N, C-alpha and C. Protein backbone atom coordinates (compact mmCIF):
# COMPACT_ATOMS: atom_id res chain seq x y z
N MET A 1 190.51 -20.49 12.84
CA MET A 1 190.45 -21.66 12.92
C MET A 1 190.39 -22.39 14.43
N THR A 2 189.75 -23.20 14.77
CA THR A 2 189.89 -23.80 16.13
C THR A 2 190.47 -25.27 15.94
N ASP A 3 191.16 -25.76 17.03
CA ASP A 3 191.65 -26.82 17.03
C ASP A 3 190.83 -28.04 16.99
N PRO A 4 191.16 -29.36 16.61
CA PRO A 4 190.05 -30.29 16.37
C PRO A 4 189.75 -30.70 17.85
N LEU A 5 188.40 -31.60 17.91
CA LEU A 5 188.19 -31.96 19.28
C LEU A 5 189.04 -33.43 19.44
N LYS A 6 189.27 -33.64 20.43
CA LYS A 6 189.98 -34.80 20.84
C LYS A 6 189.08 -35.67 21.99
N ALA A 7 189.19 -36.87 22.26
CA ALA A 7 188.24 -37.65 23.08
C ALA A 7 188.52 -37.03 24.42
N THR A 8 189.58 -36.85 24.63
CA THR A 8 190.04 -36.21 26.08
C THR A 8 189.49 -34.88 26.40
N ASP A 9 189.21 -34.31 25.38
CA ASP A 9 188.18 -33.14 25.73
C ASP A 9 186.83 -33.17 26.24
N CYS A 10 186.36 -34.33 26.37
CA CYS A 10 185.27 -34.91 26.88
C CYS A 10 184.98 -34.94 28.47
N TRP A 11 184.01 -34.54 29.00
CA TRP A 11 184.22 -34.55 30.48
C TRP A 11 183.98 -36.14 30.96
N THR A 12 183.64 -37.15 29.77
CA THR A 12 183.62 -38.38 30.67
C THR A 12 184.81 -38.94 30.56
N ARG A 13 185.98 -38.31 30.28
CA ARG A 13 187.58 -38.72 29.84
C ARG A 13 188.26 -37.75 30.53
N GLY A 14 187.80 -36.66 31.56
CA GLY A 14 188.55 -35.72 32.30
C GLY A 14 188.26 -34.26 31.79
N GLY A 15 188.10 -34.27 30.69
CA GLY A 15 187.96 -32.82 30.05
C GLY A 15 187.14 -31.76 30.54
N GLY A 16 187.06 -30.81 29.86
CA GLY A 16 186.14 -29.76 30.13
C GLY A 16 184.89 -29.43 29.18
N ARG A 17 184.52 -30.24 28.43
CA ARG A 17 183.46 -30.02 27.47
C ARG A 17 182.45 -30.90 27.21
N ILE A 18 180.98 -30.71 26.97
CA ILE A 18 180.15 -31.68 26.62
C ILE A 18 180.37 -31.95 25.02
N VAL A 19 181.04 -33.21 24.95
CA VAL A 19 181.11 -33.82 23.62
C VAL A 19 180.58 -34.90 23.19
N PHE A 20 180.04 -35.09 22.00
CA PHE A 20 178.91 -36.06 21.29
C PHE A 20 179.83 -36.74 19.88
N GLN A 21 179.23 -37.85 19.50
CA GLN A 21 179.72 -38.35 18.68
C GLN A 21 178.75 -38.20 17.41
N HIS A 22 179.41 -38.24 16.17
CA HIS A 22 178.40 -38.22 15.18
C HIS A 22 178.90 -39.06 13.96
N CYS A 23 177.93 -39.92 13.28
CA CYS A 23 178.00 -40.79 12.42
C CYS A 23 177.82 -39.97 10.84
N ALA A 24 178.82 -39.99 10.14
CA ALA A 24 178.62 -39.08 8.63
C ALA A 24 177.74 -40.20 7.76
N PRO A 25 178.02 -41.46 7.72
CA PRO A 25 177.26 -42.08 6.99
C PRO A 25 175.63 -42.41 7.28
N CYS A 26 175.41 -42.67 8.46
CA CYS A 26 173.72 -42.46 8.88
C CYS A 26 173.01 -41.23 9.47
N GLY A 27 174.28 -40.22 9.90
CA GLY A 27 173.56 -39.06 10.62
C GLY A 27 173.37 -39.02 12.02
N ARG A 28 173.37 -40.22 12.38
CA ARG A 28 172.87 -40.45 14.01
C ARG A 28 173.89 -39.77 14.81
N GLN A 29 173.79 -39.34 15.97
CA GLN A 29 174.67 -39.08 16.99
C GLN A 29 174.25 -39.40 18.35
N TRP A 30 175.35 -39.65 19.41
CA TRP A 30 174.95 -40.08 20.58
C TRP A 30 176.18 -39.36 21.58
N LEU A 31 176.00 -39.50 22.75
CA LEU A 31 177.04 -39.22 23.98
C LEU A 31 177.56 -40.80 24.30
N PHE A 32 178.82 -40.52 24.89
CA PHE A 32 179.46 -41.67 25.68
C PHE A 32 180.31 -42.09 24.36
N MET A 33 181.40 -42.00 24.20
CA MET A 33 182.59 -42.33 23.30
C MET A 33 182.52 -43.90 23.00
N ARG A 34 182.44 -44.12 21.49
CA ARG A 34 182.65 -45.47 21.08
C ARG A 34 183.30 -45.48 19.76
N SER A 35 183.94 -46.33 19.51
CA SER A 35 184.61 -46.54 18.31
C SER A 35 184.00 -46.91 17.06
N PHE A 36 182.76 -46.96 17.21
CA PHE A 36 181.95 -47.28 16.13
C PHE A 36 180.35 -46.86 16.13
N CYS A 37 179.91 -46.71 15.19
CA CYS A 37 178.28 -46.03 15.33
C CYS A 37 177.46 -47.31 15.81
N PRO A 38 176.68 -46.92 17.16
CA PRO A 38 175.72 -48.18 17.43
C PRO A 38 174.58 -48.24 16.70
N HIS A 39 174.64 -47.48 15.50
CA HIS A 39 173.10 -47.51 14.81
C HIS A 39 173.37 -48.52 13.71
N CYS A 40 174.76 -47.91 12.85
CA CYS A 40 174.65 -48.67 11.65
C CYS A 40 176.19 -49.45 11.47
N GLY A 41 176.81 -49.30 12.60
CA GLY A 41 178.15 -49.99 12.65
C GLY A 41 179.50 -49.14 12.05
N ALA A 42 179.27 -48.09 11.44
CA ALA A 42 180.33 -47.51 10.80
C ALA A 42 181.50 -46.95 11.94
N ARG A 43 182.67 -47.25 11.38
CA ARG A 43 184.04 -47.01 12.01
C ARG A 43 184.13 -45.54 12.33
N ASP A 44 184.80 -45.10 13.30
CA ASP A 44 185.50 -43.79 13.48
C ASP A 44 184.27 -42.54 12.98
N PRO A 45 183.61 -42.15 14.06
CA PRO A 45 182.85 -41.51 14.39
C PRO A 45 183.31 -39.99 14.64
N SER A 46 182.84 -38.92 13.86
CA SER A 46 183.52 -37.63 14.29
C SER A 46 183.00 -37.41 15.64
N LEU A 47 183.85 -36.25 16.35
CA LEU A 47 183.47 -35.45 17.45
C LEU A 47 182.85 -34.33 17.41
N ARG A 48 181.86 -33.69 18.14
CA ARG A 48 181.30 -32.54 18.09
C ARG A 48 181.19 -32.01 19.70
N ALA A 49 181.67 -30.72 19.76
CA ALA A 49 181.17 -29.86 20.86
C ALA A 49 179.75 -29.46 20.93
N ALA A 50 178.89 -30.09 22.03
CA ALA A 50 177.63 -29.47 22.33
C ALA A 50 177.75 -27.97 22.55
N SER A 51 176.79 -27.15 22.26
CA SER A 51 176.37 -25.85 22.67
C SER A 51 176.25 -25.68 24.36
N GLY A 52 175.79 -26.68 24.76
CA GLY A 52 175.57 -26.64 26.39
C GLY A 52 174.05 -26.23 26.49
N ARG A 53 173.36 -25.65 25.43
CA ARG A 53 171.86 -25.26 25.42
C ARG A 53 170.87 -26.28 25.24
N GLY A 54 169.72 -26.20 26.09
CA GLY A 54 168.73 -27.06 26.08
C GLY A 54 167.48 -26.71 26.87
N THR A 55 166.83 -27.67 27.26
CA THR A 55 165.43 -27.34 27.53
C THR A 55 165.34 -28.60 29.01
N VAL A 56 164.90 -28.12 30.13
CA VAL A 56 164.78 -29.08 31.29
C VAL A 56 163.85 -30.04 31.12
N ALA A 57 163.75 -31.80 30.96
CA ALA A 57 162.87 -32.36 30.83
C ALA A 57 162.22 -33.06 31.64
N ALA A 58 163.20 -33.15 33.00
CA ALA A 58 162.70 -33.88 34.16
C ALA A 58 163.76 -33.41 35.25
N SER A 59 163.36 -33.57 36.40
CA SER A 59 164.01 -32.67 37.36
C SER A 59 163.71 -33.58 38.74
N THR A 60 164.85 -33.81 39.90
CA THR A 60 164.59 -34.13 41.00
C THR A 60 165.83 -33.67 41.91
N LEU A 61 165.03 -33.65 43.28
CA LEU A 61 166.28 -33.10 44.26
C LEU A 61 166.45 -34.18 45.09
N VAL A 62 167.87 -34.93 44.99
CA VAL A 62 168.37 -35.75 45.68
C VAL A 62 168.71 -35.28 47.19
N HIS A 63 168.22 -36.14 48.19
CA HIS A 63 168.18 -36.05 49.31
C HIS A 63 169.46 -37.16 49.70
N ARG A 64 169.07 -38.12 49.61
CA ARG A 64 169.78 -39.29 49.96
C ARG A 64 170.96 -39.45 48.89
N ALA A 65 172.38 -39.12 49.23
CA ALA A 65 173.23 -39.49 48.26
C ALA A 65 174.04 -40.58 48.36
N PRO A 66 174.44 -41.05 46.85
CA PRO A 66 175.33 -42.46 47.05
C PRO A 66 176.66 -42.48 47.87
N ASN A 67 177.04 -41.55 48.22
CA ASN A 67 178.47 -41.85 48.83
C ASN A 67 178.82 -40.30 49.45
N ASP A 68 180.01 -40.39 50.53
CA ASP A 68 180.22 -39.54 51.50
C ASP A 68 180.57 -38.02 50.33
N GLU A 69 181.05 -38.05 49.33
CA GLU A 69 181.41 -37.07 48.56
C GLU A 69 180.12 -36.06 48.14
N PHE A 70 178.91 -37.34 47.77
CA PHE A 70 177.93 -36.34 47.13
C PHE A 70 176.79 -36.18 48.61
N ARG A 71 177.17 -36.81 49.62
CA ARG A 71 176.47 -36.77 50.98
C ARG A 71 176.86 -35.32 51.40
N ALA A 72 178.06 -34.65 51.04
CA ALA A 72 178.13 -33.18 51.45
C ALA A 72 177.75 -32.24 50.86
N LEU A 73 177.01 -32.68 49.59
CA LEU A 73 176.34 -31.78 48.83
C LEU A 73 174.96 -31.75 48.84
N ALA A 74 174.50 -32.69 49.35
CA ALA A 74 172.79 -33.09 49.45
C ALA A 74 172.50 -32.08 50.44
N PRO A 75 171.16 -31.47 50.25
CA PRO A 75 170.35 -31.63 48.58
C PRO A 75 170.99 -31.40 47.50
N TYR A 76 170.85 -31.78 46.61
CA TYR A 76 171.41 -31.45 45.10
C TYR A 76 170.39 -31.77 44.08
N ARG A 77 170.32 -30.88 43.09
CA ARG A 77 169.17 -31.20 41.95
C ARG A 77 170.19 -32.00 40.41
N LEU A 78 169.31 -33.06 40.27
CA LEU A 78 169.56 -33.81 39.23
C LEU A 78 168.59 -33.23 37.88
N VAL A 79 169.05 -33.26 36.54
CA VAL A 79 168.22 -32.80 35.69
C VAL A 79 168.25 -33.88 34.79
N LEU A 80 167.26 -34.10 33.63
CA LEU A 80 167.36 -34.74 32.37
C LEU A 80 167.37 -33.37 31.43
N VAL A 81 168.05 -33.02 30.57
CA VAL A 81 168.27 -31.80 29.82
C VAL A 81 167.92 -32.37 28.24
N ASP A 82 167.18 -31.82 27.46
CA ASP A 82 167.21 -32.08 25.82
C ASP A 82 168.08 -30.95 25.45
N LEU A 83 169.22 -31.52 24.92
CA LEU A 83 170.14 -30.67 24.43
C LEU A 83 169.65 -29.92 22.82
N ASP A 84 170.10 -28.87 22.79
CA ASP A 84 169.55 -28.48 21.23
C ASP A 84 170.11 -29.20 20.18
N GLU A 85 171.07 -30.20 20.46
CA GLU A 85 171.38 -30.78 19.18
C GLU A 85 170.82 -32.32 19.18
N GLY A 86 169.77 -32.30 19.94
CA GLY A 86 169.03 -33.52 20.06
C GLY A 86 169.29 -34.62 20.85
N LEU A 87 170.03 -34.27 21.68
CA LEU A 87 170.46 -35.51 22.66
C LEU A 87 169.87 -35.23 23.89
N ARG A 88 169.69 -36.48 24.93
CA ARG A 88 169.31 -36.05 26.29
C ARG A 88 170.45 -36.52 27.32
N LEU A 89 170.43 -35.59 28.20
CA LEU A 89 171.75 -35.81 29.22
C LEU A 89 171.79 -35.56 30.70
N MET A 90 171.70 -36.23 31.40
CA MET A 90 171.65 -36.36 32.86
C MET A 90 172.92 -35.48 33.33
N ALA A 91 172.11 -34.70 34.33
CA ALA A 91 173.10 -33.92 34.92
C ALA A 91 173.24 -33.04 36.23
N HIS A 92 173.95 -32.24 36.96
CA HIS A 92 173.82 -31.56 38.00
C HIS A 92 173.25 -30.32 37.47
N ALA A 93 172.29 -29.82 38.68
CA ALA A 93 171.48 -28.21 37.90
C ALA A 93 171.74 -27.56 39.08
N ASP A 94 171.38 -26.23 38.73
CA ASP A 94 170.91 -25.14 40.04
C ASP A 94 169.79 -25.96 40.67
N PRO A 95 169.69 -25.36 42.01
CA PRO A 95 168.44 -25.96 42.53
C PRO A 95 167.13 -25.46 42.13
N ALA A 96 167.06 -24.32 41.46
CA ALA A 96 165.84 -23.52 41.42
C ALA A 96 165.19 -24.00 39.75
N LEU A 97 165.98 -24.65 38.94
CA LEU A 97 165.52 -24.94 38.11
C LEU A 97 164.14 -26.14 37.75
N ALA A 98 163.32 -25.63 37.01
CA ALA A 98 162.04 -26.49 36.91
C ALA A 98 161.86 -27.06 35.23
N VAL A 99 161.22 -28.16 35.37
CA VAL A 99 161.14 -28.64 33.97
C VAL A 99 160.41 -27.48 32.97
N GLY A 100 160.80 -27.38 31.54
CA GLY A 100 160.54 -26.59 30.78
C GLY A 100 161.59 -25.06 30.65
N ASP A 101 162.41 -25.10 31.88
CA ASP A 101 163.47 -23.78 31.75
C ASP A 101 164.13 -23.79 30.71
N ARG A 102 164.92 -23.20 30.16
CA ARG A 102 165.69 -22.87 28.98
C ARG A 102 166.94 -23.09 29.95
N VAL A 103 167.85 -23.88 29.50
CA VAL A 103 169.24 -23.78 30.30
C VAL A 103 170.78 -23.74 29.78
N GLN A 104 171.83 -23.20 30.19
CA GLN A 104 173.03 -23.64 29.66
C GLN A 104 173.96 -24.08 30.34
N GLY A 105 174.70 -25.12 30.02
CA GLY A 105 175.37 -26.12 30.64
C GLY A 105 176.86 -25.85 30.71
N ALA A 106 177.69 -26.29 31.56
CA ALA A 106 179.25 -26.21 31.36
C ALA A 106 179.68 -27.51 32.27
N VAL A 107 181.06 -27.75 32.15
CA VAL A 107 181.40 -28.55 32.92
C VAL A 107 181.96 -28.08 34.24
N ARG A 108 181.95 -28.51 35.17
CA ARG A 108 182.22 -28.19 36.62
C ARG A 108 182.71 -29.40 37.44
N ALA A 109 183.69 -28.75 38.16
CA ALA A 109 184.14 -29.99 39.27
C ALA A 109 182.87 -30.05 40.23
N ILE A 110 182.80 -31.39 40.58
CA ILE A 110 181.39 -31.64 41.30
C ILE A 110 182.12 -33.00 42.05
N ALA A 111 182.43 -32.95 43.52
CA ALA A 111 182.53 -34.09 44.31
C ALA A 111 183.84 -34.59 43.75
N GLY A 112 184.74 -33.69 43.34
CA GLY A 112 186.36 -34.10 42.66
C GLY A 112 186.17 -34.51 41.52
N ARG A 113 185.26 -34.50 40.71
CA ARG A 113 185.06 -35.06 38.99
C ARG A 113 184.40 -33.97 38.34
N PRO A 114 184.92 -34.24 36.95
CA PRO A 114 184.32 -33.08 36.02
C PRO A 114 182.73 -33.64 35.52
N MET A 115 181.94 -32.41 36.02
CA MET A 115 180.68 -33.03 35.34
C MET A 115 179.46 -32.00 34.74
N PRO A 116 178.73 -32.24 34.04
CA PRO A 116 178.09 -31.26 33.28
C PRO A 116 176.92 -30.53 34.50
N TYR A 117 176.87 -29.26 34.40
CA TYR A 117 176.45 -28.46 35.33
C TYR A 117 175.51 -27.21 34.88
N PHE A 118 173.97 -27.44 34.93
CA PHE A 118 173.09 -26.44 34.15
C PHE A 118 172.51 -25.40 34.96
N SER A 119 172.40 -24.38 34.46
CA SER A 119 171.93 -23.26 35.10
C SER A 119 170.82 -22.36 34.09
N LYS A 120 170.20 -21.77 34.75
CA LYS A 120 168.97 -21.03 33.64
C LYS A 120 169.78 -20.19 32.60
N ASP A 121 169.23 -20.26 31.54
CA ASP A 121 170.00 -19.59 30.54
C ASP A 121 169.75 -18.06 30.65
N PRO A 122 170.70 -17.10 30.60
CA PRO A 122 170.72 -15.95 30.73
C PRO A 122 170.11 -15.19 29.29
N ALA A 123 170.09 -16.13 28.36
CA ALA A 123 169.52 -15.53 26.82
C ALA A 123 168.39 -16.34 26.25
N PRO A 124 167.58 -16.45 26.59
CA PRO A 124 166.21 -17.80 26.23
C PRO A 124 165.92 -17.07 24.97
């Protein structure tokens, strides 16, 4: 048996996992924590861990970073990934990724912050 997920497990709250919320009454799911369902208003949505697997939907190589921490990393790749769970997530990625690639993501420290990072899926 696994321990239940907590909000602090999510990378957006300093944790090491890609976590999303699910609403039992309407069946919708979303990223970024809320105390209610943004679709039907139901309270206390459940937390679920994403597998991290998905497909690159869009990609760009950033040359002009927004601050000193990211300037040290430039150029770096940002991607939109359609997760297998049906959600779309923007994240950092391996520079060689292209649209249509199957990917596997994990949370890494990037510019001193936990962020999702995607690499080519070794088992497409």
